Amino acid sequence: MLLFAPDIGMVGYAINPKMGALTYNLTRHRFVAAVEVLYALILGDLYRQVAAIILFAHSSLDRILGYGLKYSDSFGNTHLDKICKKDVV
């Protein structure tokens, strides 16, 4: 269940797409998770280590499913590609 905790970062989209992209990307960026791991290891804090593992796992799951870091123009525009793009036949 905690695997989906980073989805709280989507609440920024209730304000506007720019704030949504910022909060979404902060909860899914691997650099943020790496900083959390280092901080947790220095402090020896097991709970922060688990939080960092959850961040890594969630961002990896997002990448596997095709969801990338968001651009500030819309939710569907990611660094991987557009989400829900329509195929032209």
PDB file of N, CA and C in Angstrom:
ATOM      1  N   MET A   1       0.820  -1.188   0.000  1.00  0.00           N
ATOM      2  CA  MET A   1       0.000   0.000   0.000  1.00  0.00           C
ATOM      3  C   MET A   1       0.870   1.261   0.000  1.00  0.00           C
ATOM      4  N   LEU A   2       1.979   1.215   0.693  1.00  0.00           N
ATOM      5  CA  LEU A   2       2.860   2.377   0.748  1.00  0.00           C
ATOM      6  C   LEU A   2       3.530   2.659  -0.593  1.00  0.00           C
ATOM      7  N   LEU A   3       3.505   1.687  -1.484  1.00  0.00           N
ATOM      8  CA  LEU A   3       4.084   1.895  -2.805  1.00  0.00           C
ATOM      9  C   LEU A   3       3.397   3.054  -3.526  1.00  0.00           C
ATOM     10  N   PHE A   4       2.142   3.303  -3.203  1.00  0.00           N
ATOM     11  CA  PHE A   4       1.392   4.366  -3.854  1.00  0.00           C
ATOM     12  C   PHE A   4       1.379   5.669  -3.058  1.00  0.00           C
ATOM     13  N   ALA A   5       2.132   5.742  -1.985  1.00  0.00           N
ATOM     14  CA  ALA A   5       2.209   6.972  -1.184  1.00  0.00           C
ATOM     15  C   ALA A   5       2.722   8.172  -1.980  1.00  0.00           C
ATOM     16  N   PRO A   6       3.687   8.019  -2.890  1.00  0.00           N
ATOM     17  CA  PRO A   6       4.127   9.181  -3.661  1.00  0.00           C
ATOM     18  C   PRO A   6       3.049   9.792  -4.558  1.00  0.00           C
ATOM     19  N   ASP A   7       1.934   9.096  -4.740  1.00  0.00           N
ATOM     20  CA  ASP A   7       0.850   9.671  -5.546  1.00  0.00           C
ATOM     21  C   ASP A   7       0.255  10.915  -4.905  1.00  0.00           C
ATOM     22  N   ILE A   8       0.568  11.164  -3.644  1.00  0.00           N
ATOM     23  CA  ILE A   8       0.109  12.388  -2.990  1.00  0.00           C
ATOM     24  C   ILE A   8       0.664  13.611  -3.716  1.00  0.00           C
ATOM     25  N   GLY A   9       1.736  13.444  -4.456  1.00  0.00           N
ATOM     26  CA  GLY A   9       2.329  14.543  -5.214  1.00  0.00           C
ATOM     27  C   GLY A   9       1.449  15.052  -6.334  1.00  0.00           C
ATOM     28  N   MET A  10       0.378  14.344  -6.647  1.00  0.00           N
ATOM     29  CA  MET A  10      -0.520  14.787  -7.700  1.00  0.00           C
ATOM     30  C   MET A  10      -1.463  15.881  -7.237  1.00  0.00           C
ATOM     31  N   VAL A  11      -1.507  16.178  -5.944  1.00  0.00           N
ATOM     32  CA  VAL A  11      -2.437  17.190  -5.436  1.00  0.00           C
ATOM     33  C   VAL A  11      -2.121  18.579  -5.981  1.00  0.00           C
ATOM     34  N   GLY A  12      -0.901  18.818  -6.402  1.00  0.00           N
ATOM     35  CA  GLY A  12      -0.545  20.110  -6.977  1.00  0.00           C
ATOM     36  C   GLY A  12      -1.324  20.440  -8.227  1.00  0.00           C
ATOM     37  N   TYR A  13      -1.822  19.411  -8.926  1.00  0.00           N
ATOM     38  CA  TYR A  13      -2.614  19.650 -10.127  1.00  0.00           C
ATOM     39  C   TYR A  13      -3.964  20.286  -9.782  1.00  0.00           C
ATOM     40  N   ALA A  14      -4.377  20.234  -8.532  1.00  0.00           N
ATOM     41  CA  ALA A  14      -5.603  20.913  -8.121  1.00  0.00           C
ATOM     42  C   ALA A  14      -5.417  22.433  -8.174  1.00  0.00           C
ATOM     43  N   ILE A  15      -4.177  22.902  -8.067  1.00  0.00           N
ATOM     44  CA  ILE A  15      -3.889  24.332  -8.124  1.00  0.00           C
ATOM     45  C   ILE A  15      -3.734  24.771  -9.583  1.00  0.00           C
ATOM     46  N   ASN A  16      -2.758  24.205 -10.267  1.00  0.00           N
ATOM     47  CA  ASN A  16      -2.553  24.465 -11.691  1.00  0.00           C
ATOM     48  C   ASN A  16      -1.529  23.470 -12.224  1.00  0.00           C
ATOM     49  N   PRO A  17      -1.379  23.348 -13.551  1.00  0.00           N
ATOM     50  CA  PRO A  17      -0.450  22.367 -14.113  1.00  0.00           C
ATOM     51  C   PRO A  17       1.017  22.610 -13.733  1.00  0.00           C
ATOM     52  N   LYS A  18       1.411  23.854 -13.579  1.00  0.00           N
ATOM     53  CA  LYS A  18       2.798  24.142 -13.229  1.00  0.00           C
ATOM     54  C   LYS A  18       3.114  23.643 -11.814  1.00  0.00           C
ATOM     55  N   MET A  19       2.235  23.937 -10.862  1.00  0.00           N
ATOM     56  CA  MET A  19       2.427  23.459  -9.490  1.00  0.00           C
ATOM     57  C   MET A  19       2.299  21.946  -9.438  1.00  0.00           C
ATOM     58  N   GLY A  20       1.390  21.397 -10.222  1.00  0.00           N
ATOM     59  CA  GLY A  20       1.222  19.949 -10.272  1.00  0.00           C
ATOM     60  C   GLY A  20       2.467  19.243 -10.771  1.00  0.00           C
ATOM     61  N   ALA A  21       3.077  19.782 -11.822  1.00  0.00           N
ATOM     62  CA  ALA A  21       4.306  19.186 -12.357  1.00  0.00           C
ATOM     63  C   ALA A  21       5.417  19.238 -11.307  1.00  0.00           C
ATOM     64  N   LEU A  22       5.508  20.349 -10.586  1.00  0.00           N
ATOM     65  CA  LEU A  22       6.536  20.482  -9.550  1.00  0.00           C
ATOM     66  C   LEU A  22       6.352  19.451  -8.443  1.00  0.00           C
ATOM     67  N   THR A  23       5.152  19.351  -7.900  1.00  0.00           N
ATOM     68  CA  THR A  23       4.920  18.405  -6.799  1.00  0.00           C
ATOM     69  C   THR A  23       5.005  16.960  -7.273  1.00  0.00           C
ATOM     70  N   TYR A  24       4.507  16.700  -8.480  1.00  0.00           N
ATOM     71  CA  TYR A  24       4.580  15.348  -9.044  1.00  0.00           C
ATOM     72  C   TYR A  24       6.039  14.923  -9.217  1.00  0.00           C
ATOM     73  N   ASN A  25       6.845  15.792  -9.803  1.00  0.00           N
ATOM     74  CA  ASN A  25       8.239  15.456 -10.080  1.00  0.00           C
ATOM     75  C   ASN A  25       9.061  15.327  -8.796  1.00  0.00           C
ATOM     76  N   LEU A  26       8.752  16.120  -7.781  1.00  0.00           N
ATOM     77  CA  LEU A  26       9.477  16.005  -6.508  1.00  0.00           C
ATOM     78  C   LEU A  26       9.253  14.655  -5.841  1.00  0.00           C
ATOM     79  N   THR A  27       8.071  14.090  -6.021  1.00  0.00           N
ATOM     80  CA  THR A  27       7.784  12.799  -5.393  1.00  0.00           C
ATOM     81  C   THR A  27       8.170  11.612  -6.264  1.00  0.00           C
ATOM     82  N   ARG A  28       8.723  11.876  -7.456  1.00  0.00           N
ATOM     83  CA  ARG A  28       9.094  10.785  -8.362  1.00  0.00           C
ATOM     84  C   ARG A  28      10.491  10.880  -8.947  1.00  0.00           C
ATOM     85  N   HIS A  29      11.234  11.867  -8.581  1.00  0.00           N
ATOM     86  CA  HIS A  29      12.568  12.038  -9.147  1.00  0.00           C
ATOM     87  C   HIS A  29      13.563  11.150  -8.392  1.00  0.00           C
ATOM     88  N   ARG A  30      14.375  10.443  -9.118  1.00  0.00           N
ATOM     89  CA  ARG A  30      15.324   9.520  -8.486  1.00  0.00           C
ATOM     90  C   ARG A  30      16.415  10.245  -7.716  1.00  0.00           C
ATOM     91  N   PHE A  31      16.742  11.479  -8.103  1.00  0.00           N
ATOM     92  CA  PHE A  31      17.730  12.253  -7.348  1.00  0.00           C
ATOM     93  C   PHE A  31      17.213  12.547  -5.937  1.00  0.00           C
ATOM     94  N   VAL A  32      15.934  12.847  -5.822  1.00  0.00           N
ATOM     95  CA  VAL A  32      15.336  13.086  -4.498  1.00  0.00           C
ATOM     96  C   VAL A  32      15.427  11.818  -3.655  1.00  0.00           C
ATOM     97  N   ALA A  33      15.163  10.677  -4.267  1.00  0.00           N
ATOM     98  CA  ALA A  33      15.266   9.406  -3.549  1.00  0.00           C
ATOM     99  C   ALA A  33      16.716   9.117  -3.155  1.00  0.00           C
ATOM    100  N   ALA A  34      17.666   9.445  -4.024  1.00  0.00           N
ATOM    101  CA  ALA A  34      19.080   9.208  -3.709  1.00  0.00           C
ATOM    102  C   ALA A  34      19.540  10.085  -2.544  1.00  0.00           C
ATOM    103  N   VAL A  35      19.094  11.336  -2.534  1.00  0.00           N
ATOM    104  CA  VAL A  35      19.427  12.221  -1.408  1.00  0.00           C
ATOM    105  C   VAL A  35      18.810  11.687  -0.123  1.00  0.00           C
ATOM    106  N   GLU A  36      17.595  11.184  -0.221  1.00  0.00           N
ATOM    107  CA  GLU A  36      16.921  10.604   0.950  1.00  0.00           C
ATOM    108  C   GLU A  36      17.679   9.378   1.463  1.00  0.00           C
ATOM    109  N   VAL A  37      18.181   8.553   0.554  1.00  0.00           N
ATOM    110  CA  VAL A  37      18.961   7.374   0.958  1.00  0.00           C
ATOM    111  C   VAL A  37      20.227   7.808   1.698  1.00  0.00           C
ATOM    112  N   LEU A  38      20.949   8.750   1.130  1.00  0.00           N
ATOM    113  CA  LEU A  38      22.179   9.212   1.781  1.00  0.00           C
ATOM    114  C   LEU A  38      21.909   9.801   3.153  1.00  0.00           C
ATOM    115  N   TYR A  39      20.882  10.630   3.234  1.00  0.00           N
ATOM    116  CA  TYR A  39      20.506  11.244   4.506  1.00  0.00           C
ATOM    117  C   TYR A  39      20.116  10.174   5.530  1.00  0.00           C
ATOM    118  N   ALA A  40      19.344   9.184   5.087  1.00  0.00           N
ATOM    119  CA  ALA A  40      18.902   8.112   5.985  1.00  0.00           C
ATOM    120  C   ALA A  40      20.075   7.254   6.453  1.00  0.00           C
ATOM    121  N   LEU A  41      21.019   6.986   5.560  1.00  0.00           N
ATOM    122  CA  LEU A  41      22.184   6.181   5.940  1.00  0.00           C
ATOM    123  C   LEU A  41      23.086   6.930   6.915  1.00  0.00           C
ATOM    124  N   ILE A  42      23.253   8.236   6.692  1.00  0.00           N
ATOM    125  CA  ILE A  42      24.068   9.030   7.610  1.00  0.00           C
ATOM    126  C   ILE A  42      23.441   9.059   9.000  1.00  0.00           C
ATOM    127  N   LEU A  43      22.115   9.228   9.044  1.00  0.00           N
ATOM    128  CA  LEU A  43      21.422   9.274  10.332  1.00  0.00           C
ATOM    129  C   LEU A  43      21.188   7.887  10.927  1.00  0.00           C
ATOM    130  N   GLY A  44      21.251   6.866  10.091  1.00  0.00           N
ATOM    131  CA  GLY A  44      20.946   5.515  10.553  1.00  0.00           C
ATOM    132  C   GLY A  44      19.457   5.335  10.818  1.00  0.00           C
ATOM    133  N   ASP A  45      18.632   6.089  10.100  1.00  0.00           N
ATOM    134  CA  ASP A  45      17.186   6.075  10.298  1.00  0.00           C
ATOM    135  C   ASP A  45      16.538   5.047   9.370  1.00  0.00           C
ATOM    136  N   LEU A  46      16.053   3.971   9.937  1.00  0.00           N
ATOM    137  CA  LEU A  46      15.457   2.883   9.159  1.00  0.00           C
ATOM    138  C   LEU A  46      14.198   3.341   8.433  1.00  0.00           C
ATOM    139  N   TYR A  47      13.390   4.189   9.060  1.00  0.00           N
ATOM    140  CA  TYR A  47      12.150   4.642   8.432  1.00  0.00           C
ATOM    141  C   TYR A  47      12.426   5.490   7.191  1.00  0.00           C
ATOM    142  N   ARG A  48      13.444   6.313   7.248  1.00  0.00           N
ATOM    143  CA  ARG A  48      13.814   7.104   6.072  1.00  0.00           C
ATOM    144  C   ARG A  48      14.388   6.212   4.976  1.00  0.00           C
ATOM    145  N   GLN A  49      15.072   5.149   5.349  1.00  0.00           N
ATOM    146  CA  GLN A  49      15.581   4.211   4.352  1.00  0.00           C
ATOM    147  C   GLN A  49      14.420   3.532   3.634  1.00  0.00           C
ATOM    148  N   VAL A  50      13.399   3.153   4.385  1.00  0.00           N
ATOM    149  CA  VAL A  50      12.218   2.532   3.778  1.00  0.00           C
ATOM    150  C   VAL A  50      11.515   3.537   2.861  1.00  0.00           C
ATOM    151  N   ALA A  51      11.414   4.790   3.301  1.00  0.00           N
ATOM    152  CA  ALA A  51      10.794   5.822   2.468  1.00  0.00           C
ATOM    153  C   ALA A  51      11.560   5.998   1.160  1.00  0.00           C
ATOM    154  N   ALA A  52      12.874   5.959   1.221  1.00  0.00           N
ATOM    155  CA  ALA A  52      13.689   6.087   0.014  1.00  0.00           C
ATOM    156  C   ALA A  52      13.490   4.895  -0.916  1.00  0.00           C
ATOM    157  N   ILE A  53      13.397   3.707  -0.367  1.00  0.00           N
ATOM    158  CA  ILE A  53      13.136   2.515  -1.183  1.00  0.00           C
ATOM    159  C   ILE A  53      11.781   2.632  -1.868  1.00  0.00           C
ATOM    160  N   ILE A  54      10.787   3.142  -1.145  1.00  0.00           N
ATOM    161  CA  ILE A  54       9.457   3.335  -1.724  1.00  0.00           C
ATOM    162  C   ILE A  54       9.520   4.345  -2.863  1.00  0.00           C
ATOM    163  N   LEU A  55      10.276   5.432  -2.680  1.00  0.00           N
ATOM    164  CA  LEU A  55      10.414   6.428  -3.748  1.00  0.00           C
ATOM    165  C   LEU A  55      11.058   5.817  -4.990  1.00  0.00           C
ATOM    166  N   PHE A  56      12.127   5.047  -4.789  1.00  0.00           N
ATOM    167  CA  PHE A  56      12.779   4.377  -5.918  1.00  0.00           C
ATOM    168  C   PHE A  56      11.829   3.399  -6.609  1.00  0.00           C
ATOM    169  N   ALA A  57      11.119   2.609  -5.819  1.00  0.00           N
ATOM    170  CA  ALA A  57      10.213   1.608  -6.382  1.00  0.00           C
ATOM    171  C   ALA A  57       9.081   2.269  -7.156  1.00  0.00           C
ATOM    172  N   HIS A  58       8.515   3.332  -6.603  1.00  0.00           N
ATOM    173  CA  HIS A  58       7.406   4.003  -7.275  1.00  0.00           C
ATOM    174  C   HIS A  58       7.858   4.669  -8.577  1.00  0.00           C
ATOM    175  N   SER A  59       8.995   5.319  -8.544  1.00  0.00           N
ATOM    176  CA  SER A  59       9.471   5.966  -9.777  1.00  0.00           C
ATOM    177  C   SER A  59       9.823   4.919 -10.833  1.00  0.00           C
ATOM    178  N   SER A  60      10.348   3.784 -10.419  1.00  0.00           N
ATOM    179  CA  SER A  60      10.653   2.706 -11.372  1.00  0.00           C
ATOM    180  C   SER A  60       9.376   2.127 -11.966  1.00  0.00           C
ATOM    181  N   LEU A  61       8.358   1.949 -11.138  1.00  0.00           N
ATOM    182  CA  LEU A  61       7.076   1.445 -11.634  1.00  0.00           C
ATOM    183  C   LEU A  61       6.464   2.432 -12.626  1.00  0.00           C
ATOM    184  N   ASP A  62       6.556   3.710 -12.326  1.00  0.00           N
ATOM    185  CA  ASP A  62       6.055   4.722 -13.258  1.00  0.00           C
ATOM    186  C   ASP A  62       6.760   4.632 -14.601  1.00  0.00           C
ATOM    187  N   ARG A  63       8.080   4.458 -14.587  1.00  0.00           N
ATOM    188  CA  ARG A  63       8.835   4.383 -15.841  1.00  0.00           C
ATOM    189  C   ARG A  63       8.462   3.130 -16.627  1.00  0.00           C
ATOM    190  N   ILE A  64       8.260   2.012 -15.925  1.00  0.00           N
ATOM    191  CA  ILE A  64       7.863   0.768 -16.596  1.00  0.00           C
ATOM    192  C   ILE A  64       6.518   0.931 -17.283  1.00  0.00           C
ATOM    193  N   LEU A  65       5.605   1.663 -16.637  1.00  0.00           N
ATOM    194  CA  LEU A  65       4.262   1.865 -17.184  1.00  0.00           C
ATOM    195  C   LEU A  65       4.207   2.990 -18.211  1.00  0.00           C
ATOM    196  N   GLY A  66       5.337   3.661 -18.427  1.00  0.00           N
ATOM    197  CA  GLY A  66       5.388   4.698 -19.448  1.00  0.00           C
ATOM    198  C   GLY A  66       5.135   6.098 -18.952  1.00  0.00           C
ATOM    199  N   TYR A  67       5.019   6.271 -17.643  1.00  0.00           N
ATOM    200  CA  TYR A  67       4.821   7.607 -17.078  1.00  0.00           C
ATOM    201  C   TYR A  67       6.179   8.185 -16.713  1.00  0.00           C
ATOM    202  N   GLY A  68       6.426   9.367 -17.191  1.00  0.00           N
ATOM    203  CA  GLY A  68       7.696  10.010 -16.896  1.00  0.00           C
ATOM    204  C   GLY A  68       7.501  11.252 -16.055  1.00  0.00           C
ATOM    205  N   LEU A  69       8.572  11.990 -15.891  1.00  0.00           N
ATOM    206  CA  LEU A  69       8.494  13.265 -15.190  1.00  0.00           C
ATOM    207  C   LEU A  69       7.689  14.231 -16.051  1.00  0.00           C
ATOM    208  N   LYS A  70       6.891  15.036 -15.415  1.00  0.00           N
ATOM    209  CA  LYS A  70       5.941  15.887 -16.136  1.00  0.00           C
ATOM    210  C   LYS A  70       6.546  17.235 -16.514  1.00  0.00           C
ATOM    211  N   TYR A  71       6.107  17.728 -17.671  1.00  0.00           N
ATOM    212  CA  TYR A  71       6.372  19.104 -18.062  1.00  0.00           C
ATOM    213  C   TYR A  71       5.229  19.958 -17.533  1.00  0.00           C
ATOM    214  N   SER A  72       5.472  21.240 -17.390  1.00  0.00           N
ATOM    215  CA  SER A  72       4.494  22.100 -16.727  1.00  0.00           C
ATOM    216  C   SER A  72       3.312  22.511 -17.601  1.00  0.00           C
ATOM    217  N   ASP A  73       3.278  22.111 -18.862  1.00  0.00           N
ATOM    218  CA  ASP A  73       2.158  22.523 -19.713  1.00  0.00           C
ATOM    219  C   ASP A  73       0.918  21.649 -19.546  1.00  0.00           C
ATOM    220  N   SER A  74       1.100  20.345 -19.294  1.00  0.00           N
ATOM    221  CA  SER A  74      -0.051  19.466 -19.087  1.00  0.00           C
ATOM    222  C   SER A  74       0.400  18.171 -18.426  1.00  0.00           C
ATOM    223  N   PHE A  75      -0.553  17.463 -17.833  1.00  0.00           N
ATOM    224  CA  PHE A  75      -0.258  16.208 -17.160  1.00  0.00           C
ATOM    225  C   PHE A  75       0.233  15.148 -18.140  1.00  0.00           C
ATOM    226  N   GLY A  76      -0.301  15.155 -19.336  1.00  0.00           N
ATOM    227  CA  GLY A  76       0.026  14.119 -20.309  1.00  0.00           C
ATOM    228  C   GLY A  76       1.347  14.287 -21.026  1.00  0.00           C
ATOM    229  N   ASN A  77       2.023  15.395 -20.821  1.00  0.00           N
ATOM    230  CA  ASN A  77       3.290  15.655 -21.500  1.00  0.00           C
ATOM    231  C   ASN A  77       4.444  15.297 -20.564  1.00  0.00           C
ATOM    232  N   THR A  78       5.148  14.197 -20.866  1.00  0.00           N
ATOM    233  CA  THR A  78       6.218  13.721 -19.984  1.00  0.00           C
ATOM    234  C   THR A  78       7.552  13.686 -20.721  1.00  0.00           C
ATOM    235  N   HIS A  79       8.616  13.446 -19.958  1.00  0.00           N
ATOM    236  CA  HIS A  79       9.939  13.385 -20.581  1.00  0.00           C
ATOM    237  C   HIS A  79      10.122  12.112 -21.407  1.00  0.00           C
ATOM    238  N   LEU A  80       9.260  11.135 -21.236  1.00  0.00           N
ATOM    239  CA  LEU A  80       9.337   9.910 -22.030  1.00  0.00           C
ATOM    240  C   LEU A  80       8.583  10.053 -23.346  1.00  0.00           C
ATOM    241  N   ASP A  81       7.393  10.600 -23.267  1.00  0.00           N
ATOM    242  CA  ASP A  81       6.547  10.799 -24.434  1.00  0.00           C
ATOM    243  C   ASP A  81       5.197  11.291 -23.934  1.00  0.00           C
ATOM    244  N   LYS A  82       4.290  11.525 -24.847  1.00  0.00           N
ATOM    245  CA  LYS A  82       2.948  11.934 -24.437  1.00  0.00           C
ATOM    246  C   LYS A  82       2.170  10.715 -23.952  1.00  0.00           C
ATOM    247  N   ILE A  83       1.434  10.898 -22.881  1.00  0.00           N
ATOM    248  CA  ILE A  83       0.557   9.844 -22.373  1.00  0.00           C
ATOM    249  C   ILE A  83      -0.751   9.915 -23.142  1.00  0.00           C
ATOM    250  N   CYS A  84      -1.306   8.782 -23.477  1.00  0.00           N
ATOM    251  CA  CYS A  84      -2.599   8.693 -24.170  1.00  0.00           C
ATOM    252  C   CYS A  84      -2.562   9.371 -25.523  1.00  0.00           C
ATOM    253  N   LYS A  85      -1.464   9.232 -26.215  1.00  0.00           N
ATOM    254  CA  LYS A  85      -1.427   9.800 -27.570  1.00  0.00           C
ATOM    255  C   LYS A  85      -2.275   8.934 -28.488  1.00  0.00           C
ATOM    256  N   LYS A  86      -2.924   9.564 -29.406  1.00  0.00           N
ATOM    257  CA  LYS A  86      -3.803   8.847 -30.318  1.00  0.00           C
ATOM    258  C   LYS A  86      -3.040   8.468 -31.575  1.00  0.00           C
ATOM    259  N   ASP A  87      -3.200   7.228 -31.990  1.00  0.00           N
ATOM    260  CA  ASP A  87      -2.545   6.763 -33.217  1.00  0.00           C
ATOM    261  C   ASP A  87      -3.360   7.228 -34.429  1.00  0.00           C
ATOM    262  N   VAL A  88      -2.667   7.719 -35.406  1.00  0.00           N
ATOM    263  CA  VAL A  88      -3.324   8.144 -36.631  1.00  0.00           C
ATOM    264  C   VAL A  88      -3.228   7.015 -37.640  1.00  0.00           C
ATOM    265  N   VAL A  89      -4.370   6.568 -38.127  1.00  0.00           N
ATOM    266  CA  VAL A  89      -4.397   5.448 -39.058  1.00  0.00           C
ATOM    267  C   VAL A  89      -4.570   5.947 -40.459  1.00  0.00           C
TER     268      VAL A  89
END
